[in-house]
């Protein structure tokens, strides 16, 4: 059973919490977990070609206005697998949403 409480943070306290070194470590750890889960669940390519889904997932971290951000990204080919595409004949190939599913798995932990 969830506890009912309310936490109010002013803008300065929130900015200070989001710009700390501990927050950067936590974001990096969570982004690594999401990327590892996405690579594990990604469609496999036995030939190991350049466009293999697992190789195209990358982690980017940056700081903007003192706030630390982290993102798990995929290149163009992986995004086609993620969201789906239409072939030359107009047939729709649905996506498998690997990154979204990886985010949901890590979120549930």
C-alpha atoms as a PDB file:
ATOM      1  CA  UNK A   1       0.000   0.000   0.000  1.00  0.00           C
ATOM      2  CA  UNK A   2       1.412   3.338  -1.029  1.00  0.00           C
ATOM      3  CA  UNK A   3       1.874   6.051   1.548  1.00  0.00           C
ATOM      4  CA  UNK A   4       0.123   9.343   0.945  1.00  0.00           C
ATOM      5  CA  UNK A   5       2.432  12.310   1.221  1.00  0.00           C
ATOM      6  CA  UNK A   6       3.222  15.527  -0.532  1.00  0.00           C
ATOM      7  CA  UNK A   7       6.692  16.871  -1.212  1.00  0.00           C
ATOM      8  CA  UNK A   8       7.023  20.496  -2.267  1.00  0.00           C
ATOM      9  CA  UNK A   9      10.348  21.627  -3.708  1.00  0.00           C
ATOM     10  CA  UNK A  10      11.058  25.146  -4.699  1.00  0.00           C
ATOM     11  CA  UNK A  11      12.798  25.775  -8.006  1.00  0.00           C
ATOM     12  CA  UNK A  12      16.235  26.208  -6.412  1.00  0.00           C
ATOM     13  CA  UNK A  13      16.033  22.916  -4.485  1.00  0.00           C
ATOM     14  CA  UNK A  14      14.925  20.996  -7.578  1.00  0.00           C
ATOM     15  CA  UNK A  15      17.682  22.546  -9.708  1.00  0.00           C
ATOM     16  CA  UNK A  16      20.266  21.743  -7.043  1.00  0.00           C
ATOM     17  CA  UNK A  17      19.094  18.123  -6.816  1.00  0.00           C
ATOM     18  CA  UNK A  18      19.117  17.673 -10.605  1.00  0.00           C
ATOM     19  CA  UNK A  19      22.616  19.120 -10.985  1.00  0.00           C
ATOM     20  CA  UNK A  20      24.350  17.032  -8.327  1.00  0.00           C
ATOM     21  CA  UNK A  21      27.024  14.426  -9.028  1.00  0.00           C
ATOM     22  CA  UNK A  22      24.855  11.720  -7.454  1.00  0.00           C
ATOM     23  CA  UNK A  23      22.059  12.474  -9.917  1.00  0.00           C
ATOM     24  CA  UNK A  24      24.512  12.229 -12.812  1.00  0.00           C
ATOM     25  CA  UNK A  25      25.683   8.811 -11.560  1.00  0.00           C
ATOM     26  CA  UNK A  26      22.101   7.601 -11.125  1.00  0.00           C
ATOM     27  CA  UNK A  27      21.098   8.781 -14.600  1.00  0.00           C
ATOM     28  CA  UNK A  28      24.148   7.119 -16.122  1.00  0.00           C
ATOM     29  CA  UNK A  29      23.389   3.845 -14.323  1.00  0.00           C
ATOM     30  CA  UNK A  30      19.736   3.811 -15.382  1.00  0.00           C
ATOM     31  CA  UNK A  31      20.605   4.694 -18.999  1.00  0.00           C
ATOM     32  CA  UNK A  32      23.128   1.833 -19.028  1.00  0.00           C
ATOM     33  CA  UNK A  33      20.479  -0.571 -17.701  1.00  0.00           C
ATOM     34  CA  UNK A  34      17.999   0.521 -20.381  1.00  0.00           C
ATOM     35  CA  UNK A  35      20.610   0.162 -23.139  1.00  0.00           C
ATOM     36  CA  UNK A  36      21.688  -3.273 -21.883  1.00  0.00           C
ATOM     37  CA  UNK A  37      18.073  -4.464 -21.758  1.00  0.00           C
ATOM     38  CA  UNK A  38      17.409  -3.104 -25.270  1.00  0.00           C
ATOM     39  CA  UNK A  39      20.539  -4.816 -26.617  1.00  0.00           C
ATOM     40  CA  UNK A  40      19.534  -8.100 -24.965  1.00  0.00           C
ATOM     41  CA  UNK A  41      15.959  -7.993 -26.308  1.00  0.00           C
ATOM     42  CA  UNK A  42      16.927  -6.646 -29.744  1.00  0.00           C
ATOM     43  CA  UNK A  43      16.389  -8.702 -32.878  1.00  0.00           C
ATOM     44  CA  UNK A  44      19.460 -10.829 -33.521  1.00  0.00           C
ATOM     45  CA  UNK A  45      21.526 -10.697 -36.700  1.00  0.00           C
ATOM     46  CA  UNK A  46      23.633 -13.817 -37.145  1.00  0.00           C
ATOM     47  CA  UNK A  47      25.931 -12.242 -39.722  1.00  0.00           C
ATOM     48  CA  UNK A  48      26.905  -9.374 -37.397  1.00  0.00           C
ATOM     49  CA  UNK A  49      26.555  -6.728 -40.073  1.00  0.00           C
ATOM     50  CA  UNK A  50      27.049  -2.990 -39.582  1.00  0.00           C
ATOM     51  CA  UNK A  51      23.328  -2.330 -39.144  1.00  0.00           C
ATOM     52  CA  UNK A  52      22.792  -4.766 -36.307  1.00  0.00           C
ATOM     53  CA  UNK A  53      20.261  -3.306 -33.843  1.00  0.00           C
ATOM     54  CA  UNK A  54      22.350  -3.965 -30.727  1.00  0.00           C
ATOM     55  CA  UNK A  55      25.307  -1.976 -32.123  1.00  0.00           C
ATOM     56  CA  UNK A  56      23.200   1.031 -32.985  1.00  0.00           C
ATOM     57  CA  UNK A  57      21.981   1.746 -29.436  1.00  0.00           C
ATOM     58  CA  UNK A  58      24.035   4.453 -27.722  1.00  0.00           C
ATOM     59  CA  UNK A  59      23.952   6.459 -24.502  1.00  0.00           C
ATOM     60  CA  UNK A  60      24.346  10.217 -24.505  1.00  0.00           C
ATOM     61  CA  UNK A  61      24.771  12.375 -21.398  1.00  0.00           C
ATOM     62  CA  UNK A  62      24.962  16.146 -21.285  1.00  0.00           C
ATOM     63  CA  UNK A  63      24.505  19.106 -18.990  1.00  0.00           C
ATOM     64  CA  UNK A  64      22.292  22.017 -19.903  1.00  0.00           C
ATOM     65  CA  UNK A  65      21.849  25.067 -17.682  1.00  0.00           C
ATOM     66  CA  UNK A  66      23.319  23.118 -14.788  1.00  0.00           C
ATOM     67  CA  UNK A  67      20.848  20.239 -15.135  1.00  0.00           C
ATOM     68  CA  UNK A  68      22.170  16.785 -16.044  1.00  0.00           C
ATOM     69  CA  UNK A  69      20.379  14.843 -18.813  1.00  0.00           C
ATOM     70  CA  UNK A  70      20.876  11.332 -20.149  1.00  0.00           C
ATOM     71  CA  UNK A  71      19.349   9.653 -23.210  1.00  0.00           C
ATOM     72  CA  UNK A  72      19.401   6.231 -24.828  1.00  0.00           C
ATOM     73  CA  UNK A  73      19.337   6.668 -28.607  1.00  0.00           C
ATOM     74  CA  UNK A  74      19.258   4.504 -31.714  1.00  0.00           C
ATOM     75  CA  UNK A  75      20.391   5.370 -35.238  1.00  0.00           C
ATOM     76  CA  UNK A  76      18.164   5.477 -38.304  1.00  0.00           C
ATOM     77  CA  UNK A  77      18.079   1.752 -39.087  1.00  0.00           C
ATOM     78  CA  UNK A  78      17.214   0.816 -35.526  1.00  0.00           C
ATOM     79  CA  UNK A  79      14.437   3.411 -35.499  1.00  0.00           C
ATOM     80  CA  UNK A  80      12.885   1.728 -38.524  1.00  0.00           C
ATOM     81  CA  UNK A  81      12.856  -1.517 -36.559  1.00  0.00           C
ATOM     82  CA  UNK A  82      11.543   0.340 -33.504  1.00  0.00           C
ATOM     83  CA  UNK A  83       8.612   2.150 -35.158  1.00  0.00           C
ATOM     84  CA  UNK A  84       8.041   0.130 -38.338  1.00  0.00           C
ATOM     85  CA  UNK A  85       8.136   1.048 -42.025  1.00  0.00           C
ATOM     86  CA  UNK A  86       6.413   0.617 -45.372  1.00  0.00           C
ATOM     87  CA  UNK A  87       8.131  -1.311 -48.112  1.00  0.00           C
ATOM     88  CA  UNK A  88       8.139  -0.326 -51.805  1.00  0.00           C
ATOM     89  CA  UNK A  89       4.920  -2.214 -52.348  1.00  0.00           C
ATOM     90  CA  UNK A  90       3.173  -0.146 -49.672  1.00  0.00           C
ATOM     91  CA  UNK A  91       2.885  -2.995 -47.168  1.00  0.00           C
ATOM     92  CA  UNK A  92       3.193  -1.894 -43.546  1.00  0.00           C
ATOM     93  CA  UNK A  93       5.745  -3.645 -41.327  1.00  0.00           C
ATOM     94  CA  UNK A  94       4.947  -2.951 -37.660  1.00  0.00           C
ATOM     95  CA  UNK A  95       7.695  -1.967 -35.240  1.00  0.00           C
ATOM     96  CA  UNK A  96       8.765  -4.097 -32.307  1.00  0.00           C
ATOM     97  CA  UNK A  97       9.299  -1.194 -29.832  1.00  0.00           C
ATOM     98  CA  UNK A  98      12.485  -2.595 -28.298  1.00  0.00           C
ATOM     99  CA  UNK A  99      13.593   0.684 -26.674  1.00  0.00           C
ATOM    100  CA  UNK A 100      10.147   1.383 -25.235  1.00  0.00           C
ATOM    101  CA  UNK A 101       9.884  -2.134 -23.823  1.00  0.00           C
ATOM    102  CA  UNK A 102      13.385  -1.848 -22.306  1.00  0.00           C
ATOM    103  CA  UNK A 103      12.390   1.438 -20.643  1.00  0.00           C
ATOM    104  CA  UNK A 104       9.231  -0.148 -19.238  1.00  0.00           C
ATOM    105  CA  UNK A 105      11.160  -3.172 -17.879  1.00  0.00           C
ATOM    106  CA  UNK A 106      13.705  -0.962 -16.095  1.00  0.00           C
ATOM    107  CA  UNK A 107      10.944   1.335 -14.878  1.00  0.00           C
ATOM    108  CA  UNK A 108       9.148  -1.577 -13.186  1.00  0.00           C
ATOM    109  CA  UNK A 109      12.252  -2.562 -11.195  1.00  0.00           C
END
